[in-house]
Amino acid sequence: MSSLGHNLKVLMPLADGVEEMEAIIMLDVFRRVPWMVSSASLKPGPVTTAHGVRLMPDVLWSDIDPAAFDLLAIPGGQAGTAALVADARILAAVRAFAQAAKWIAAICAGPLVLEAAGVLAGRRATCHPAVPLTQLRRLPDRVVLDGKIATSQGPGSTLEFALKIVDAIAGYARAAALAEAMVVAQPARP
């Protein structure tokens, strides 16, 4: 368990086309820990998700310093991921998190952002089965942790993914307590 287990600061970049289940479930679970979670939009105003839901991010990406955060959590969604891959600030943040050995989590198409930033080479990872990763063979596992990089497959694995991240950082007891409170299956013991 990390010494950051109870004071973690999480940064989640959001762009139009983000997969709303992945964003909301990660935001919700991480805030229940409780961790301080900031969702950051690439543009002013609400973000329109992959299925037309409008989300109001906490801050603009341009108004924050990614270095002040401990975990970068990247939801998927094809259009949202494409926007993140196209933004040099996001790729620089991913590289900086990897170089500083900080936690990075990406789900569904989100691992494409990690691939574009060059941080997946030589690592184990997974993503949505329909998403091609070129730097590695996509593992069939629903959730993969390789050091401080966590990846997962998609909307249906988001709760499991978020709880595994909580387990890895704050400990099994905290993850199990959250699972019980949310009436979901207990995370597997490490």
C-alpha atoms as a PDB file:
ATOM      1  CA  MET A   1       0.000   0.000   0.000  1.00  0.00           C
ATOM      2  CA  SER A   2       1.259   3.436  -0.951  1.00  0.00           C
ATOM      3  CA  SER A   3       1.755   6.211   1.583  1.00  0.00           C
ATOM      4  CA  LEU A   4      -0.493   8.168  -0.785  1.00  0.00           C
ATOM      5  CA  GLY A   5      -3.345   5.743  -0.116  1.00  0.00           C
ATOM      6  CA  HIS A   6      -5.567   8.308   1.564  1.00  0.00           C
ATOM      7  CA  ASN A   7      -4.316  11.629   0.126  1.00  0.00           C
ATOM      8  CA  LEU A   8      -4.068  10.786  -3.556  1.00  0.00           C
ATOM      9  CA  LYS A   9      -4.770  13.447  -6.170  1.00  0.00           C
ATOM     10  CA  VAL A  10      -6.302  12.068  -9.372  1.00  0.00           C
ATOM     11  CA  LEU A  11      -6.413  13.875 -12.721  1.00  0.00           C
ATOM     12  CA  MET A  12      -8.839  12.746 -15.434  1.00  0.00           C
ATOM     13  CA  PRO A  13      -8.645  14.374 -18.879  1.00  0.00           C
ATOM     14  CA  LEU A  14     -11.995  14.584 -20.671  1.00  0.00           C
ATOM     15  CA  ALA A  15     -12.735  15.312 -24.331  1.00  0.00           C
ATOM     16  CA  ASP A  16     -15.882  15.170 -26.442  1.00  0.00           C
ATOM     17  CA  GLY A  17     -16.641  11.538 -27.248  1.00  0.00           C
ATOM     18  CA  VAL A  18     -15.416  10.139 -23.927  1.00  0.00           C
ATOM     19  CA  GLU A  19     -17.057   6.889 -22.781  1.00  0.00           C
ATOM     20  CA  GLU A  20     -19.287   8.149 -19.983  1.00  0.00           C
ATOM     21  CA  MET A  21     -19.524   4.917 -17.973  1.00  0.00           C
ATOM     22  CA  GLU A  22     -15.759   4.689 -17.681  1.00  0.00           C
ATOM     23  CA  ALA A  23     -15.355   8.343 -16.698  1.00  0.00           C
ATOM     24  CA  ILE A  24     -18.202   8.421 -14.169  1.00  0.00           C
ATOM     25  CA  ILE A  25     -17.445   5.058 -12.551  1.00  0.00           C
ATOM     26  CA  MET A  26     -13.768   5.910 -12.058  1.00  0.00           C
ATOM     27  CA  LEU A  27     -14.648   9.393 -10.746  1.00  0.00           C
ATOM     28  CA  ASP A  28     -17.208   7.947  -8.350  1.00  0.00           C
ATOM     29  CA  VAL A  29     -15.102   5.071  -6.997  1.00  0.00           C
ATOM     30  CA  PHE A  30     -12.012   7.235  -6.544  1.00  0.00           C
ATOM     31  CA  ARG A  31     -13.979   9.948  -4.737  1.00  0.00           C
ATOM     32  CA  ARG A  32     -15.391   7.316  -2.365  1.00  0.00           C
ATOM     33  CA  VAL A  33     -11.868   6.287  -1.233  1.00  0.00           C
ATOM     34  CA  PRO A  34     -11.807   9.382  -0.668  1.00  0.00           C
ATOM     35  CA  TRP A  35      -9.286  10.739  -3.142  1.00  0.00           C
ATOM     36  CA  MET A  36      -9.315  14.240  -4.589  1.00  0.00           C
ATOM     37  CA  VAL A  37     -10.360  13.817  -8.218  1.00  0.00           C
ATOM     38  CA  SER A  38     -10.265  16.594 -10.811  1.00  0.00           C
ATOM     39  CA  SER A  39     -11.781  16.112 -14.248  1.00  0.00           C
ATOM     40  CA  ALA A  40     -10.131  18.430 -16.764  1.00  0.00           C
ATOM     41  CA  SER A  41     -11.572  19.366 -20.144  1.00  0.00           C
ATOM     42  CA  LEU A  42      -9.534  20.296 -23.177  1.00  0.00           C
ATOM     43  CA  LYS A  43     -12.013  23.091 -23.978  1.00  0.00           C
ATOM     44  CA  PRO A  44     -14.352  25.390 -22.026  1.00  0.00           C
ATOM     45  CA  GLY A  45     -17.874  24.213 -21.232  1.00  0.00           C
ATOM     46  CA  PRO A  46     -19.448  20.791 -20.965  1.00  0.00           C
ATOM     47  CA  VAL A  47     -18.081  17.674 -22.631  1.00  0.00           C
ATOM     48  CA  THR A  48     -20.498  15.658 -24.762  1.00  0.00           C
ATOM     49  CA  THR A  49     -19.878  11.949 -24.236  1.00  0.00           C
ATOM     50  CA  ALA A  50     -19.935   9.110 -26.757  1.00  0.00           C
ATOM     51  CA  HIS A  51     -23.649   8.583 -26.091  1.00  0.00           C
ATOM     52  CA  GLY A  52     -24.777  12.199 -25.840  1.00  0.00           C
ATOM     53  CA  VAL A  53     -24.533  12.755 -22.081  1.00  0.00           C
ATOM     54  CA  ARG A  54     -23.226  16.199 -21.142  1.00  0.00           C
ATOM     55  CA  LEU A  55     -20.617  16.280 -18.372  1.00  0.00           C
ATOM     56  CA  MET A  56     -19.324  19.440 -16.718  1.00  0.00           C
ATOM     57  CA  PRO A  57     -15.605  19.005 -15.958  1.00  0.00           C
ATOM     58  CA  ASP A  58     -14.136  20.493 -12.785  1.00  0.00           C
ATOM     59  CA  VAL A  59     -11.408  22.516 -14.529  1.00  0.00           C
ATOM     60  CA  LEU A  60      -9.806  23.310 -17.861  1.00  0.00           C
ATOM     61  CA  TRP A  61      -6.662  21.346 -18.646  1.00  0.00           C
ATOM     62  CA  SER A  62      -4.894  24.643 -19.363  1.00  0.00           C
ATOM     63  CA  ASP A  63      -5.613  25.819 -15.788  1.00  0.00           C
ATOM     64  CA  ILE A  64      -3.946  22.925 -13.960  1.00  0.00           C
ATOM     65  CA  ASP A  65      -0.445  21.604 -13.405  1.00  0.00           C
ATOM     66  CA  PRO A  66      -0.455  17.857 -14.091  1.00  0.00           C
ATOM     67  CA  ALA A  67       2.708  17.498 -11.981  1.00  0.00           C
ATOM     68  CA  ALA A  68       0.607  18.261  -8.873  1.00  0.00           C
ATOM     69  CA  PHE A  69      -1.286  14.956  -9.296  1.00  0.00           C
ATOM     70  CA  ASP A  70      -0.437  11.363  -8.342  1.00  0.00           C
ATOM     71  CA  LEU A  71      -2.669   9.349 -10.698  1.00  0.00           C
ATOM     72  CA  LEU A  72      -3.622  10.072 -14.298  1.00  0.00           C
ATOM     73  CA  ALA A  73      -6.898   8.258 -15.118  1.00  0.00           C
ATOM     74  CA  ILE A  74      -7.791   8.104 -18.818  1.00  0.00           C
ATOM     75  CA  PRO A  75     -11.258   6.887 -19.845  1.00  0.00           C
ATOM     76  CA  GLY A  76     -11.871   5.573 -23.353  1.00  0.00           C
ATOM     77  CA  GLY A  77     -14.332   6.337 -26.106  1.00  0.00           C
ATOM     78  CA  GLN A  78     -13.090   6.484 -29.697  1.00  0.00           C
ATOM     79  CA  ALA A  79     -13.575  10.198 -30.370  1.00  0.00           C
ATOM     80  CA  GLY A  80     -12.472  11.215 -26.879  1.00  0.00           C
ATOM     81  CA  THR A  81      -9.336   9.103 -27.153  1.00  0.00           C
ATOM     82  CA  ALA A  82      -8.545  10.533 -30.602  1.00  0.00           C
ATOM     83  CA  ALA A  83      -8.768  14.060 -29.155  1.00  0.00           C
ATOM     84  CA  LEU A  84      -6.430  13.139 -26.290  1.00  0.00           C
ATOM     85  CA  VAL A  85      -3.929  11.486 -28.666  1.00  0.00           C
ATOM     86  CA  ALA A  86      -3.947  14.656 -30.804  1.00  0.00           C
ATOM     87  CA  ASP A  87      -3.180  16.938 -27.831  1.00  0.00           C
ATOM     88  CA  ALA A  88       0.554  17.375 -27.164  1.00  0.00           C
ATOM     89  CA  ARG A  89      -0.155  18.494 -23.574  1.00  0.00           C
ATOM     90  CA  ILE A  90      -1.832  15.180 -22.757  1.00  0.00           C
ATOM     91  CA  LEU A  91       0.995  13.137 -24.286  1.00  0.00           C
ATOM     92  CA  ALA A  92       3.563  15.214 -22.381  1.00  0.00           C
ATOM     93  CA  ALA A  93       1.656  14.592 -19.134  1.00  0.00           C
ATOM     94  CA  VAL A  94       1.559  10.829 -19.777  1.00  0.00           C
ATOM     95  CA  ARG A  95       5.314  10.806 -20.405  1.00  0.00           C
ATOM     96  CA  ALA A  96       5.968  12.898 -17.291  1.00  0.00           C
ATOM     97  CA  PHE A  97       3.845  10.577 -15.120  1.00  0.00           C
ATOM     98  CA  ALA A  98       5.710   7.537 -16.474  1.00  0.00           C
ATOM     99  CA  GLN A  99       9.134   9.154 -15.986  1.00  0.00           C
ATOM    100  CA  ALA A 100       8.213  10.124 -12.402  1.00  0.00           C
ATOM    101  CA  ALA A 101       6.921   6.580 -11.695  1.00  0.00           C
ATOM    102  CA  LYS A 102       3.439   7.920 -10.928  1.00  0.00           C
ATOM    103  CA  TRP A 103       0.273   5.899 -11.471  1.00  0.00           C
ATOM    104  CA  ILE A 104      -1.345   5.893 -14.928  1.00  0.00           C
ATOM    105  CA  ALA A 105      -4.679   4.181 -15.600  1.00  0.00           C
ATOM    106  CA  ALA A 106      -6.272   3.820 -19.038  1.00  0.00           C
ATOM    107  CA  ILE A 107      -9.333   1.867 -20.114  1.00  0.00           C
ATOM    108  CA  CYS A 108     -11.022   0.815 -23.368  1.00  0.00           C
ATOM    109  CA  ALA A 109      -9.424   2.921 -26.155  1.00  0.00           C
ATOM    110  CA  GLY A 110      -7.529   4.954 -23.534  1.00  0.00           C
ATOM    111  CA  PRO A 111      -4.384   2.785 -23.799  1.00  0.00           C
ATOM    112  CA  LEU A 112      -3.939   4.285 -27.288  1.00  0.00           C
ATOM    113  CA  VAL A 113      -3.006   7.525 -25.501  1.00  0.00           C
ATOM    114  CA  LEU A 114      -0.319   5.634 -23.584  1.00  0.00           C
ATOM    115  CA  GLU A 115       0.887   4.028 -26.802  1.00  0.00           C
ATOM    116  CA  ALA A 116       1.035   7.417 -28.572  1.00  0.00           C
ATOM    117  CA  ALA A 117       3.072   8.782 -25.658  1.00  0.00           C
ATOM    118  CA  GLY A 118       5.481   5.856 -25.970  1.00  0.00           C
ATOM    119  CA  VAL A 119       5.034   4.466 -22.465  1.00  0.00           C
ATOM    120  CA  LEU A 120       3.716   0.978 -23.317  1.00  0.00           C
ATOM    121  CA  ALA A 121       6.845  -0.419 -24.980  1.00  0.00           C
ATOM    122  CA  GLY A 122       7.880  -3.574 -23.143  1.00  0.00           C
ATOM    123  CA  ARG A 123       4.831  -3.503 -20.876  1.00  0.00           C
ATOM    124  CA  ARG A 124       1.875  -5.809 -20.418  1.00  0.00           C
ATOM    125  CA  ALA A 125      -1.450  -4.128 -21.205  1.00  0.00           C
ATOM    126  CA  THR A 126      -4.982  -4.671 -22.366  1.00  0.00           C
ATOM    127  CA  CYS A 127      -7.658  -2.559 -24.035  1.00  0.00           C
ATOM    128  CA  HIS A 128     -11.053  -2.992 -25.680  1.00  0.00           C
ATOM    129  CA  PRO A 129     -10.929  -6.100 -27.913  1.00  0.00           C
ATOM    130  CA  ALA A 130     -11.725  -3.947 -30.984  1.00  0.00           C
ATOM    131  CA  VAL A 131      -8.848  -1.513 -30.311  1.00  0.00           C
ATOM    132  CA  PRO A 132      -5.536  -2.331 -32.011  1.00  0.00           C
ATOM    133  CA  LEU A 133      -2.405  -1.681 -29.964  1.00  0.00           C
ATOM    134  CA  THR A 134       0.670  -1.787 -32.183  1.00  0.00           C
ATOM    135  CA  GLN A 135       3.452  -1.804 -29.568  1.00  0.00           C
ATOM    136  CA  LEU A 136       2.297  -4.998 -27.918  1.00  0.00           C
ATOM    137  CA  ARG A 137      -0.050  -7.922 -28.132  1.00  0.00           C
ATOM    138  CA  ARG A 138      -3.267  -7.039 -26.337  1.00  0.00           C
ATOM    139  CA  LEU A 139      -3.702  -9.355 -23.372  1.00  0.00           C
ATOM    140  CA  PRO A 140      -7.132 -10.992 -22.963  1.00  0.00           C
ATOM    141  CA  ASP A 141      -7.333 -10.066 -19.262  1.00  0.00           C
ATOM    142  CA  ARG A 142     -10.072  -7.652 -18.179  1.00  0.00           C
ATOM    143  CA  VAL A 143      -7.587  -5.708 -16.025  1.00  0.00           C
ATOM    144  CA  VAL A 144      -3.781  -5.636 -16.279  1.00  0.00           C
ATOM    145  CA  LEU A 145      -1.421  -3.981 -13.805  1.00  0.00           C
ATOM    146  CA  ASP A 146       2.204  -3.647 -14.895  1.00  0.00           C
ATOM    147  CA  GLY A 147       4.126  -1.641 -12.341  1.00  0.00           C
ATOM    148  CA  LYS A 148       2.249   1.628 -11.969  1.00  0.00           C
ATOM    149  CA  ILE A 149       0.453   1.352 -15.317  1.00  0.00           C
ATOM    150  CA  ALA A 150      -3.061  -0.090 -15.140  1.00  0.00           C
ATOM    151  CA  THR A 151      -5.151  -0.907 -18.209  1.00  0.00           C
ATOM    152  CA  SER A 152      -8.589  -2.406 -18.705  1.00  0.00           C
ATOM    153  CA  GLN A 153     -10.957  -3.481 -21.461  1.00  0.00           C
ATOM    154  CA  GLY A 154     -14.073  -1.315 -21.372  1.00  0.00           C
ATOM    155  CA  PRO A 155     -17.307  -0.162 -19.771  1.00  0.00           C
ATOM    156  CA  GLY A 156     -18.145  -3.570 -18.310  1.00  0.00           C
ATOM    157  CA  SER A 157     -14.781  -3.879 -16.557  1.00  0.00           C
ATOM    158  CA  THR A 158     -14.657  -0.351 -15.125  1.00  0.00           C
ATOM    159  CA  LEU A 159     -15.794  -1.178 -11.565  1.00  0.00           C
ATOM    160  CA  GLU A 160     -13.332  -4.060 -11.342  1.00  0.00           C
ATOM    161  CA  PHE A 161     -10.613  -1.786 -12.784  1.00  0.00           C
ATOM    162  CA  ALA A 162     -11.249   1.061 -10.352  1.00  0.00           C
ATOM    163  CA  LEU A 163     -11.303  -1.309  -7.371  1.00  0.00           C
ATOM    164  CA  LYS A 164      -8.033  -2.981  -8.455  1.00  0.00           C
ATOM    165  CA  ILE A 165      -6.412   0.457  -8.601  1.00  0.00           C
ATOM    166  CA  VAL A 166      -7.739   1.257  -5.117  1.00  0.00           C
ATOM    167  CA  ASP A 167      -6.403  -2.109  -3.918  1.00  0.00           C
ATOM    168  CA  ALA A 168      -2.956  -1.442  -5.423  1.00  0.00           C
ATOM    169  CA  ILE A 169      -2.673   2.053  -3.945  1.00  0.00           C
ATOM    170  CA  ALA A 170      -4.795   2.178  -0.770  1.00  0.00           C
ATOM    171  CA  GLY A 171      -4.810  -1.534   0.063  1.00  0.00           C
ATOM    172  CA  TYR A 172      -7.117  -4.523  -0.163  1.00  0.00           C
ATOM    173  CA  ALA A 173      -9.111  -3.610   2.961  1.00  0.00           C
ATOM    174  CA  ARG A 174     -10.135  -0.241   1.490  1.00  0.00           C
ATOM    175  CA  ALA A 175     -11.033  -1.779  -1.878  1.00  0.00           C
ATOM    176  CA  ALA A 176     -13.057  -4.545  -0.189  1.00  0.00           C
ATOM    177  CA  ALA A 177     -14.916  -2.021   1.995  1.00  0.00           C
ATOM    178  CA  LEU A 178     -15.819   0.053  -1.069  1.00  0.00           C
ATOM    179  CA  ALA A 179     -16.970  -3.060  -2.939  1.00  0.00           C
ATOM    180  CA  GLU A 180     -19.162  -4.091  -0.015  1.00  0.00           C
ATOM    181  CA  ALA A 181     -20.679  -0.602   0.298  1.00  0.00           C
ATOM    182  CA  MET A 182     -21.449  -0.548  -3.446  1.00  0.00           C
ATOM    183  CA  VAL A 183     -22.809  -4.135  -3.379  1.00  0.00           C
ATOM    184  CA  VAL A 184     -20.337  -5.445  -5.948  1.00  0.00           C
ATOM    185  CA  ALA A 185     -18.149  -8.544  -5.903  1.00  0.00           C
ATOM    186  CA  GLN A 186     -15.144  -8.318  -3.625  1.00  0.00           C
ATOM    187  CA  PRO A 187     -11.876  -7.728  -5.485  1.00  0.00           C
ATOM    188  CA  ALA A 188      -9.684 -10.803  -5.752  1.00  0.00           C
ATOM    189  CA  ARG A 189      -7.111 -11.050  -2.984  1.00  0.00           C
ATOM    190  CA  PRO A 190      -3.625 -10.163  -4.177  1.00  0.00           C
END
